[in-house]
Amino acid sequence: MTLLEKPHMPTPTEGAVAVRSAVRSNAVWVGPAALLMLYFGVYRGLGADPLEGWATRLKVGSWVVYYTMRIGGGMMLLSALFCLTGSRRALLFDAFASVCIGLALAVSGVLLGFDTGMRFLLLIFFGVLFIHSGYRSWRQYHSLAFAKNPDGKD
């Protein structure tokens, strides 16, 4: 077998480009989620005003939604910006942020219960969706571990 007949093996530079491209493509999905969360949390005021008190579980559930949309939207925006850098560690941050948001949405859905019509089902659904997104980011982080950057950076 001659040198020309050997199959093409990716160089470390090609591996680094593939990692950066895969991480940056994650920002395409994280960015709109962040903008929607911030829109509904800040401009539309989804959830209750926290100054209303802690009298019932409905108010607690609304309070959780109120801050999940605001703080979670900010976390997702940071995650999208971090993903644009192309660092593989951005996927870990995205996984952490997505799971935290998903848990908060699922808990608020359970707290709101059947008293709010279909809203509690949407919160639980989106909570599970965010948890799954976090799992996928974590899985993608580990699947990209084989590609090594030539400069030694992650």
C-alpha atoms as a PDB file:
ATOM      1  CA  MET A   1       0.000   0.000   0.000  1.00  0.00           C
ATOM      2  CA  THR A   2       1.432   3.338  -1.002  1.00  0.00           C
ATOM      3  CA  LEU A   3       1.073   6.611   0.786  1.00  0.00           C
ATOM      4  CA  LEU A   4      -1.558   7.743  -1.697  1.00  0.00           C
ATOM      5  CA  GLU A   5      -3.743   4.700  -1.009  1.00  0.00           C
ATOM      6  CA  LYS A   6      -4.051   5.271   2.739  1.00  0.00           C
ATOM      7  CA  PRO A   7      -7.428   6.529   3.937  1.00  0.00           C
ATOM      8  CA  HIS A   8      -7.636  10.138   4.974  1.00  0.00           C
ATOM      9  CA  MET A   9      -7.141  10.660   8.710  1.00  0.00           C
ATOM     10  CA  PRO A  10      -8.287  14.002  10.093  1.00  0.00           C
ATOM     11  CA  THR A  11      -5.553  16.259  11.365  1.00  0.00           C
ATOM     12  CA  PRO A  12      -5.761  17.839  14.818  1.00  0.00           C
ATOM     13  CA  THR A  13      -6.619  21.134  13.160  1.00  0.00           C
ATOM     14  CA  GLU A  14      -9.591  19.577  11.351  1.00  0.00           C
ATOM     15  CA  GLY A  15     -10.732  18.067  14.646  1.00  0.00           C
ATOM     16  CA  ALA A  16     -10.558  21.447  16.356  1.00  0.00           C
ATOM     17  CA  VAL A  17     -12.554  23.060  13.579  1.00  0.00           C
ATOM     18  CA  ALA A  18     -15.181  20.330  13.870  1.00  0.00           C
ATOM     19  CA  VAL A  19     -15.465  20.868  17.633  1.00  0.00           C
ATOM     20  CA  ARG A  20     -15.782  24.631  17.288  1.00  0.00           C
ATOM     21  CA  SER A  21     -18.388  24.239  14.569  1.00  0.00           C
ATOM     22  CA  ALA A  22     -20.441  21.768  16.611  1.00  0.00           C
ATOM     23  CA  VAL A  23     -20.384  24.004  19.682  1.00  0.00           C
ATOM     24  CA  ARG A  24     -21.238  27.131  17.705  1.00  0.00           C
ATOM     25  CA  SER A  25     -24.188  25.388  16.102  1.00  0.00           C
ATOM     26  CA  ASN A  26     -25.631  24.923  19.594  1.00  0.00           C
ATOM     27  CA  ALA A  27     -25.984  28.707  19.880  1.00  0.00           C
ATOM     28  CA  VAL A  28     -28.521  28.630  17.043  1.00  0.00           C
ATOM     29  CA  TRP A  29     -30.948  26.811  19.368  1.00  0.00           C
ATOM     30  CA  VAL A  30     -29.962  28.372  22.680  1.00  0.00           C
ATOM     31  CA  GLY A  31     -30.181  31.986  21.499  1.00  0.00           C
ATOM     32  CA  PRO A  32     -33.869  32.018  20.528  1.00  0.00           C
ATOM     33  CA  ALA A  33     -34.782  30.188  23.749  1.00  0.00           C
ATOM     34  CA  ALA A  34     -32.976  32.885  25.727  1.00  0.00           C
ATOM     35  CA  LEU A  35     -34.684  35.698  23.856  1.00  0.00           C
ATOM     36  CA  LEU A  36     -38.128  34.153  24.294  1.00  0.00           C
ATOM     37  CA  MET A  37     -37.584  33.587  27.994  1.00  0.00           C
ATOM     38  CA  LEU A  38     -36.406  37.157  28.492  1.00  0.00           C
ATOM     39  CA  TYR A  39     -39.300  38.511  26.433  1.00  0.00           C
ATOM     40  CA  PHE A  40     -41.923  36.635  28.438  1.00  0.00           C
ATOM     41  CA  GLY A  41     -40.144  37.204  31.747  1.00  0.00           C
ATOM     42  CA  VAL A  42     -39.288  40.884  31.451  1.00  0.00           C
ATOM     43  CA  TYR A  43     -41.619  42.480  28.933  1.00  0.00           C
ATOM     44  CA  ARG A  44     -44.721  40.345  29.307  1.00  0.00           C
ATOM     45  CA  GLY A  45     -44.306  39.792  33.047  1.00  0.00           C
ATOM     46  CA  LEU A  46     -45.075  36.066  32.998  1.00  0.00           C
ATOM     47  CA  GLY A  47     -45.601  34.882  36.562  1.00  0.00           C
ATOM     48  CA  ALA A  48     -46.584  36.823  39.631  1.00  0.00           C
ATOM     49  CA  ASP A  49     -44.930  39.845  41.125  1.00  0.00           C
ATOM     50  CA  PRO A  50     -42.795  38.547  43.998  1.00  0.00           C
ATOM     51  CA  LEU A  51     -44.078  41.337  46.243  1.00  0.00           C
ATOM     52  CA  GLU A  52     -47.536  39.750  46.294  1.00  0.00           C
ATOM     53  CA  GLY A  53     -46.453  37.373  49.063  1.00  0.00           C
ATOM     54  CA  TRP A  54     -46.137  33.690  49.799  1.00  0.00           C
ATOM     55  CA  ALA A  55     -49.693  32.970  50.901  1.00  0.00           C
ATOM     56  CA  THR A  56     -50.507  29.987  48.698  1.00  0.00           C
ATOM     57  CA  ARG A  57     -48.744  27.434  46.575  1.00  0.00           C
ATOM     58  CA  LEU A  58     -50.194  29.206  43.503  1.00  0.00           C
ATOM     59  CA  LYS A  59     -48.270  32.321  44.401  1.00  0.00           C
ATOM     60  CA  VAL A  60     -45.138  30.281  45.062  1.00  0.00           C
ATOM     61  CA  GLY A  61     -45.493  28.562  41.689  1.00  0.00           C
ATOM     62  CA  SER A  62     -46.010  31.906  39.959  1.00  0.00           C
ATOM     63  CA  TRP A  63     -43.007  33.318  41.782  1.00  0.00           C
ATOM     64  CA  VAL A  64     -40.846  30.440  40.522  1.00  0.00           C
ATOM     65  CA  VAL A  65     -42.014  31.077  36.935  1.00  0.00           C
ATOM     66  CA  TYR A  66     -41.400  34.814  37.371  1.00  0.00           C
ATOM     67  CA  TYR A  67     -37.749  34.351  38.302  1.00  0.00           C
ATOM     68  CA  THR A  68     -37.102  31.340  36.069  1.00  0.00           C
ATOM     69  CA  MET A  69     -37.978  33.404  33.012  1.00  0.00           C
ATOM     70  CA  ARG A  70     -35.777  36.301  34.076  1.00  0.00           C
ATOM     71  CA  ILE A  71     -32.746  34.550  35.553  1.00  0.00           C
ATOM     72  CA  GLY A  72     -33.010  31.513  33.282  1.00  0.00           C
ATOM     73  CA  GLY A  73     -33.279  33.721  30.212  1.00  0.00           C
ATOM     74  CA  GLY A  74     -30.101  35.500  31.269  1.00  0.00           C
ATOM     75  CA  MET A  75     -28.340  32.178  31.835  1.00  0.00           C
ATOM     76  CA  MET A  76     -29.412  30.961  28.398  1.00  0.00           C
ATOM     77  CA  LEU A  77     -28.213  34.202  26.800  1.00  0.00           C
ATOM     78  CA  LEU A  78     -24.810  33.742  28.470  1.00  0.00           C
ATOM     79  CA  SER A  79     -24.810  30.143  27.288  1.00  0.00           C
ATOM     80  CA  ALA A  80     -25.501  31.208  23.692  1.00  0.00           C
ATOM     81  CA  LEU A  81     -22.690  33.772  23.816  1.00  0.00           C
ATOM     82  CA  PHE A  82     -20.346  31.219  25.376  1.00  0.00           C
ATOM     83  CA  CYS A  83     -21.246  28.706  22.643  1.00  0.00           C
ATOM     84  CA  LEU A  84     -20.284  31.261  20.008  1.00  0.00           C
ATOM     85  CA  THR A  85     -16.698  31.095  21.300  1.00  0.00           C
ATOM     86  CA  GLY A  86     -16.529  27.477  20.149  1.00  0.00           C
ATOM     87  CA  SER A  87     -15.169  26.167  23.438  1.00  0.00           C
ATOM     88  CA  ARG A  88     -16.296  22.680  24.360  1.00  0.00           C
ATOM     89  CA  ARG A  89     -16.808  23.859  27.940  1.00  0.00           C
ATOM     90  CA  ALA A  90     -19.711  25.975  26.719  1.00  0.00           C
ATOM     91  CA  LEU A  91     -21.677  22.744  26.352  1.00  0.00           C
ATOM     92  CA  LEU A  92     -21.169  22.017  30.054  1.00  0.00           C
ATOM     93  CA  PHE A  93     -22.462  25.462  30.976  1.00  0.00           C
ATOM     94  CA  ASP A  94     -25.417  24.978  28.637  1.00  0.00           C
ATOM     95  CA  ALA A  95     -26.150  21.586  30.193  1.00  0.00           C
ATOM     96  CA  PHE A  96     -26.078  23.077  33.705  1.00  0.00           C
ATOM     97  CA  ALA A  97     -28.264  26.047  32.765  1.00  0.00           C
ATOM     98  CA  SER A  98     -30.783  23.914  30.860  1.00  0.00           C
ATOM     99  CA  VAL A  99     -31.196  21.373  33.642  1.00  0.00           C
ATOM    100  CA  CYS A 100     -31.615  24.122  36.281  1.00  0.00           C
ATOM    101  CA  ILE A 101     -34.259  25.865  34.179  1.00  0.00           C
ATOM    102  CA  GLY A 102     -35.993  22.579  33.404  1.00  0.00           C
ATOM    103  CA  LEU A 103     -36.178  21.624  37.069  1.00  0.00           C
ATOM    104  CA  ALA A 104     -37.530  25.048  38.007  1.00  0.00           C
ATOM    105  CA  LEU A 105     -40.210  24.915  35.314  1.00  0.00           C
ATOM    106  CA  ALA A 106     -41.239  21.371  36.249  1.00  0.00           C
ATOM    107  CA  VAL A 107     -41.426  22.282  39.957  1.00  0.00           C
ATOM    108  CA  SER A 108     -43.516  25.360  39.210  1.00  0.00           C
ATOM    109  CA  GLY A 109     -45.823  23.235  37.057  1.00  0.00           C
ATOM    110  CA  VAL A 110     -46.312  20.828  39.939  1.00  0.00           C
ATOM    111  CA  LEU A 111     -46.880  23.704  42.391  1.00  0.00           C
ATOM    112  CA  LEU A 112     -49.463  25.307  40.147  1.00  0.00           C
ATOM    113  CA  GLY A 113     -51.179  21.950  39.765  1.00  0.00           C
ATOM    114  CA  PHE A 114     -54.613  21.651  38.285  1.00  0.00           C
ATOM    115  CA  ASP A 115     -55.751  25.084  39.494  1.00  0.00           C
ATOM    116  CA  THR A 116     -54.445  26.944  36.451  1.00  0.00           C
ATOM    117  CA  GLY A 117     -55.965  24.980  33.595  1.00  0.00           C
ATOM    118  CA  MET A 118     -53.519  23.766  30.978  1.00  0.00           C
ATOM    119  CA  ARG A 119     -50.716  26.098  32.052  1.00  0.00           C
ATOM    120  CA  PHE A 120     -49.277  23.587  34.502  1.00  0.00           C
ATOM    121  CA  LEU A 121     -49.000  20.971  31.750  1.00  0.00           C
ATOM    122  CA  LEU A 122     -47.092  23.409  29.553  1.00  0.00           C
ATOM    123  CA  LEU A 123     -44.692  24.188  32.381  1.00  0.00           C
ATOM    124  CA  ILE A 124     -44.043  20.505  33.038  1.00  0.00           C
ATOM    125  CA  PHE A 125     -43.649  19.846  29.302  1.00  0.00           C
ATOM    126  CA  PHE A 126     -41.148  22.682  28.857  1.00  0.00           C
ATOM    127  CA  GLY A 127     -39.367  21.606  32.040  1.00  0.00           C
ATOM    128  CA  VAL A 128     -38.855  18.110  30.634  1.00  0.00           C
ATOM    129  CA  LEU A 129     -37.809  19.642  27.310  1.00  0.00           C
ATOM    130  CA  PHE A 130     -35.128  21.784  28.982  1.00  0.00           C
ATOM    131  CA  ILE A 131     -33.880  18.834  31.054  1.00  0.00           C
ATOM    132  CA  HIS A 132     -33.557  16.767  27.888  1.00  0.00           C
ATOM    133  CA  SER A 133     -31.727  19.627  26.184  1.00  0.00           C
ATOM    134  CA  GLY A 134     -29.270  19.732  29.085  1.00  0.00           C
ATOM    135  CA  TYR A 135     -28.724  15.999  28.779  1.00  0.00           C
ATOM    136  CA  ARG A 136     -28.054  16.344  25.047  1.00  0.00           C
ATOM    137  CA  SER A 137     -25.504  19.123  25.658  1.00  0.00           C
ATOM    138  CA  TRP A 138     -23.768  16.988  28.269  1.00  0.00           C
ATOM    139  CA  ARG A 139     -23.736  14.021  25.878  1.00  0.00           C
ATOM    140  CA  GLN A 140     -22.395  16.199  23.044  1.00  0.00           C
ATOM    141  CA  TYR A 141     -19.641  17.497  25.347  1.00  0.00           C
ATOM    142  CA  HIS A 142     -18.458  13.947  25.950  1.00  0.00           C
ATOM    143  CA  SER A 143     -18.808  12.872  22.324  1.00  0.00           C
ATOM    144  CA  LEU A 144     -16.557  15.729  21.190  1.00  0.00           C
ATOM    145  CA  ALA A 145     -13.821  14.744  23.631  1.00  0.00           C
ATOM    146  CA  PHE A 146     -11.966  12.687  21.009  1.00  0.00           C
ATOM    147  CA  ALA A 147     -11.189  15.738  18.866  1.00  0.00           C
ATOM    148  CA  LYS A 148      -8.086  17.409  20.239  1.00  0.00           C
ATOM    149  CA  ASN A 149      -7.200  21.014  19.655  1.00  0.00           C
ATOM    150  CA  PRO A 150      -3.605  21.548  18.530  1.00  0.00           C
ATOM    151  CA  ASP A 151      -3.161  24.491  20.892  1.00  0.00           C
ATOM    152  CA  GLY A 152      -4.072  22.385  23.931  1.00  0.00           C
ATOM    153  CA  LYS A 153      -7.114  24.486  24.772  1.00  0.00           C
ATOM    154  CA  ASP A 154     -10.500  22.925  25.349  1.00  0.00           C
END
